[in-house]
Amino acid sequence: MRITVEMNLCESHGQCVFAAPDVFAFDDDDYLVYEAEPSDARLDEVRTAAAMCPVRAIGILGTLGAAA
């Protein structure tokens, strides 16, 4: 699985950080950082994070039935 984040859309609401803290985080300057290719074992939490994003900035590639 590969995660993409449209950083020009991201407004740093942090819902992804709450849903998948092992994949998404804020750095010291409060910018979103994320693991671009997390383990497939994290698919459910990454899907939840993508669904919770209020601006739909998160995409998931390389999985069957993945969110775009």
C-alpha atoms as a PDB file:
ATOM      1  CA  MET A   1       0.000   0.000   0.000  1.00  0.00           C
ATOM      2  CA  ARG A   2       1.139   3.531  -0.701  1.00  0.00           C
ATOM      3  CA  ILE A   3      -0.309   6.641   0.915  1.00  0.00           C
ATOM      4  CA  THR A   4      -0.516   9.991  -0.799  1.00  0.00           C
ATOM      5  CA  VAL A   5      -1.444  13.247   0.900  1.00  0.00           C
ATOM      6  CA  GLU A   6      -2.388  16.333  -1.063  1.00  0.00           C
ATOM      7  CA  MET A   7      -0.478  18.751   1.136  1.00  0.00           C
ATOM      8  CA  ASN A   8      -2.047  21.739  -0.620  1.00  0.00           C
ATOM      9  CA  LEU A   9      -5.437  20.480   0.676  1.00  0.00           C
ATOM     10  CA  CYS A  10      -4.315  19.400   4.152  1.00  0.00           C
ATOM     11  CA  GLU A  11      -5.435  21.846   6.840  1.00  0.00           C
ATOM     12  CA  SER A  12      -3.768  19.989   9.759  1.00  0.00           C
ATOM     13  CA  HIS A  13      -7.015  19.039  11.487  1.00  0.00           C
ATOM     14  CA  GLY A  14      -5.201  15.981  12.843  1.00  0.00           C
ATOM     15  CA  GLN A  15      -7.955  13.427  12.403  1.00  0.00           C
ATOM     16  CA  CYS A  16      -5.525  11.121  10.607  1.00  0.00           C
ATOM     17  CA  VAL A  17      -3.110  11.379  13.533  1.00  0.00           C
ATOM     18  CA  PHE A  18      -5.843  10.279  15.951  1.00  0.00           C
ATOM     19  CA  ALA A  19      -6.970   7.420  13.674  1.00  0.00           C
ATOM     20  CA  ALA A  20      -3.525   6.082  12.737  1.00  0.00           C
ATOM     21  CA  PRO A  21      -0.849   7.493  15.069  1.00  0.00           C
ATOM     22  CA  ASP A  22       1.741   4.948  13.927  1.00  0.00           C
ATOM     23  CA  VAL A  23       1.411   6.215  10.351  1.00  0.00           C
ATOM     24  CA  PHE A  24       0.609   9.946  10.658  1.00  0.00           C
ATOM     25  CA  ALA A  25       2.119  12.554  12.990  1.00  0.00           C
ATOM     26  CA  PHE A  26       2.950  16.235  13.278  1.00  0.00           C
ATOM     27  CA  ASP A  27       6.592  17.295  13.310  1.00  0.00           C
ATOM     28  CA  ASP A  28       8.045  19.948  15.616  1.00  0.00           C
ATOM     29  CA  ASP A  29       6.804  22.676  13.261  1.00  0.00           C
ATOM     30  CA  ASP A  30       3.257  21.211  13.217  1.00  0.00           C
ATOM     31  CA  TYR A  31       3.544  19.950   9.639  1.00  0.00           C
ATOM     32  CA  LEU A  32       2.015  16.599   8.808  1.00  0.00           C
ATOM     33  CA  VAL A  33       4.490  13.774   8.277  1.00  0.00           C
ATOM     34  CA  TYR A  34       3.505  10.238   7.364  1.00  0.00           C
ATOM     35  CA  GLU A  35       4.849   6.843   6.451  1.00  0.00           C
ATOM     36  CA  ALA A  36       4.310   6.646   2.686  1.00  0.00           C
ATOM     37  CA  GLU A  37       4.402   2.840   2.526  1.00  0.00           C
ATOM     38  CA  PRO A  38       3.091   1.386   5.779  1.00  0.00           C
ATOM     39  CA  SER A  39       2.565  -2.309   6.339  1.00  0.00           C
ATOM     40  CA  ASP A  40      -0.600  -3.791   4.856  1.00  0.00           C
ATOM     41  CA  ALA A  41      -1.475  -4.766   8.438  1.00  0.00           C
ATOM     42  CA  ARG A  42      -2.291  -1.078   8.986  1.00  0.00           C
ATOM     43  CA  LEU A  43      -4.760  -0.908   6.105  1.00  0.00           C
ATOM     44  CA  ASP A  44      -7.874  -0.652   8.275  1.00  0.00           C
ATOM     45  CA  GLU A  45      -6.546   2.231  10.357  1.00  0.00           C
ATOM     46  CA  VAL A  46      -5.225   4.022   7.262  1.00  0.00           C
ATOM     47  CA  ARG A  47      -8.631   3.664   5.596  1.00  0.00           C
ATOM     48  CA  THR A  48     -10.230   5.089   8.745  1.00  0.00           C
ATOM     49  CA  ALA A  49      -7.755   7.986   8.708  1.00  0.00           C
ATOM     50  CA  ALA A  50      -8.544   8.714   5.052  1.00  0.00           C
ATOM     51  CA  ALA A  51     -12.283   8.598   5.734  1.00  0.00           C
ATOM     52  CA  MET A  52     -11.934  10.932   8.725  1.00  0.00           C
ATOM     53  CA  CYS A  53     -10.013  13.589   6.797  1.00  0.00           C
ATOM     54  CA  PRO A  54     -12.463  16.490   6.495  1.00  0.00           C
ATOM     55  CA  VAL A  55     -10.861  17.752   3.276  1.00  0.00           C
ATOM     56  CA  ARG A  56     -10.266  14.305   1.720  1.00  0.00           C
ATOM     57  CA  ALA A  57      -6.542  14.935   1.294  1.00  0.00           C
ATOM     58  CA  ILE A  58      -5.467  11.300   1.857  1.00  0.00           C
ATOM     59  CA  GLY A  59      -5.329   8.706  -0.904  1.00  0.00           C
ATOM     60  CA  ILE A  60      -4.454   5.024  -0.685  1.00  0.00           C
ATOM     61  CA  LEU A  61      -2.883   3.256  -3.651  1.00  0.00           C
ATOM     62  CA  GLY A  62      -2.027  -0.351  -4.302  1.00  0.00           C
ATOM     63  CA  THR A  63      -4.842  -2.118  -2.481  1.00  0.00           C
ATOM     64  CA  LEU A  64      -7.930  -3.850  -3.706  1.00  0.00           C
ATOM     65  CA  GLY A  65     -10.880  -1.497  -3.208  1.00  0.00           C
ATOM     66  CA  ALA A  66      -8.584   1.306  -2.088  1.00  0.00           C
ATOM     67  CA  ALA A  67      -9.764   4.824  -1.445  1.00  0.00           C
ATOM     68  CA  ALA A  68      -8.611   7.437  -3.900  1.00  0.00           C
END
